[in-house]
Amino acid sequence: METKQFVFIMALFILGNTIATGGVRTAGRDSWLTLLFAGVACVPLLLMCARIANLYPGKGIHEIFELALGKVWGRVMSVVFILFCLQLATLEFHEFSAFTKLAVLERT
């Protein structure tokens, strides 16, 4: 995977949850500030991901885990990463279905 693709995928992963859910609900009208802060705060994380992708060219995230952490801990981190992605996906599906039920299908 090229470095640019890796960085874009990680950027979408990092910012996707915040943008889809609308930021922090307790912030009220200032939730745009939370989105702005999330965008600024994720830049160092994206730079770290780009550096890791450059150090291991042509490797996927699970292969990088195994190379950097060893066979056992690399697989453990892969499982944790997969479970986190699944949990985030189910949270997003719940948010989208709640929005659909409340906004679109209000009187059906």
Protein backbone atom coordinates (compact mmCIF):
# COMPACT_ATOMS: atom_id res chain seq x y z
CA MET A 1 0.00 0.00 0.00
CA GLU A 2 1.39 3.38 -0.89
CA THR A 3 2.04 5.95 1.79
CA LYS A 4 -0.59 8.36 0.46
CA GLN A 5 -3.29 5.70 0.50
CA PHE A 6 -2.32 4.65 4.01
CA VAL A 7 -2.45 8.23 5.28
CA PHE A 8 -5.84 8.87 3.68
CA ILE A 9 -7.29 5.67 5.11
CA MET A 10 -6.03 6.54 8.58
CA ALA A 11 -7.34 10.11 8.26
CA LEU A 12 -10.78 8.84 7.35
CA PHE A 13 -10.65 6.37 10.21
CA ILE A 14 -9.57 8.97 12.77
CA LEU A 15 -11.92 11.76 11.73
CA GLY A 16 -14.80 9.60 10.52
CA ASN A 17 -16.36 9.00 13.89
CA THR A 18 -16.21 12.64 14.94
CA ILE A 19 -17.63 13.97 11.70
CA ALA A 20 -20.38 11.35 11.43
CA THR A 21 -21.62 11.81 14.98
CA GLY A 22 -21.35 15.58 14.92
CA GLY A 23 -18.66 16.00 17.55
CA VAL A 24 -19.27 16.23 21.25
CA ARG A 25 -22.94 16.69 22.03
CA THR A 26 -22.30 18.50 25.29
CA ALA A 27 -20.43 21.22 23.39
CA GLY A 28 -23.70 22.47 21.90
CA ARG A 29 -23.19 25.31 19.46
CA ASP A 30 -19.43 25.10 19.86
CA SER A 31 -19.20 21.59 18.42
CA TRP A 32 -17.51 23.01 15.32
CA LEU A 33 -14.57 23.82 17.60
CA THR A 34 -14.30 20.17 18.57
CA LEU A 35 -14.21 19.20 14.89
CA LEU A 36 -11.52 21.79 14.26
CA PHE A 37 -9.49 20.61 17.24
CA ALA A 38 -9.84 16.98 16.13
CA GLY A 39 -8.53 17.94 12.69
CA VAL A 40 -5.52 19.69 14.17
CA ALA A 41 -4.87 17.00 16.79
CA CYS A 42 -4.86 14.18 14.24
CA VAL A 43 -2.06 15.70 12.14
CA PRO A 44 0.76 14.33 14.37
CA LEU A 45 -0.93 10.94 14.40
CA LEU A 46 -1.16 10.97 10.61
CA LEU A 47 2.50 11.92 10.36
CA MET A 48 3.39 8.98 12.59
CA CYS A 49 1.30 6.65 10.43
CA ALA A 50 3.01 7.97 7.30
CA ARG A 51 6.44 7.38 8.86
CA ILE A 52 5.51 3.82 9.81
CA ALA A 53 4.22 3.19 6.29
CA ASN A 54 7.52 4.49 4.89
CA LEU A 55 9.54 2.24 7.20
CA TYR A 56 7.65 -0.87 6.03
CA PRO A 57 6.96 -0.38 2.32
CA GLY A 58 4.49 -2.80 0.75
CA LYS A 59 3.29 -4.17 4.10
CA GLY A 60 -0.21 -4.08 5.54
CA ILE A 61 -1.06 -3.00 9.08
CA HIS A 62 -1.25 -6.58 10.36
CA GLU A 63 2.12 -7.45 8.86
CA ILE A 64 3.60 -4.33 10.44
CA PHE A 65 2.20 -5.39 13.82
CA GLU A 66 3.85 -8.80 13.49
CA LEU A 67 7.18 -7.35 12.36
CA ALA A 68 7.29 -4.67 15.05
CA LEU A 69 5.81 -6.57 18.02
CA GLY A 70 6.57 -10.19 17.28
CA LYS A 71 4.33 -13.01 16.22
CA VAL A 72 2.20 -13.36 19.38
CA TRP A 73 1.81 -9.69 20.37
CA GLY A 74 1.42 -8.69 16.74
CA ARG A 75 -1.54 -11.02 16.39
CA VAL A 76 -2.98 -9.81 19.70
CA MET A 77 -2.77 -6.20 18.47
CA SER A 78 -4.32 -7.24 15.16
CA VAL A 79 -7.28 -8.78 16.98
CA VAL A 80 -7.65 -5.69 19.19
CA PHE A 81 -7.50 -3.45 16.10
CA ILE A 82 -10.11 -5.55 14.30
CA LEU A 83 -12.42 -5.55 17.33
CA PHE A 84 -12.06 -1.79 17.66
CA CYS A 85 -12.92 -1.32 13.98
CA LEU A 86 -15.98 -3.56 14.34
CA GLN A 87 -17.12 -1.70 17.44
CA LEU A 88 -16.69 1.66 15.70
CA ALA A 89 -18.61 0.39 12.67
CA THR A 90 -21.53 -0.83 14.81
CA LEU A 91 -21.58 2.50 16.65
CA GLU A 92 -21.78 4.35 13.34
CA PHE A 93 -24.54 2.06 12.03
CA HIS A 94 -26.48 2.71 15.23
CA GLU A 95 -26.06 6.48 14.82
CA PHE A 96 -27.20 6.39 11.19
CA SER A 97 -30.20 4.18 11.97
CA ALA A 98 -31.22 6.43 14.87
CA PHE A 99 -30.98 9.48 12.59
CA THR A 100 -33.08 7.71 9.96
CA LYS A 101 -35.69 6.69 12.50
CA LEU A 102 -35.95 10.15 14.07
CA ALA A 103 -35.61 12.46 11.09
CA VAL A 104 -36.82 10.58 8.02
CA LEU A 105 -39.29 8.03 9.30
CA GLU A 106 -40.95 10.21 11.92
CA ARG A 107 -44.59 9.67 10.88
CA THR A 108 -44.57 6.26 9.25
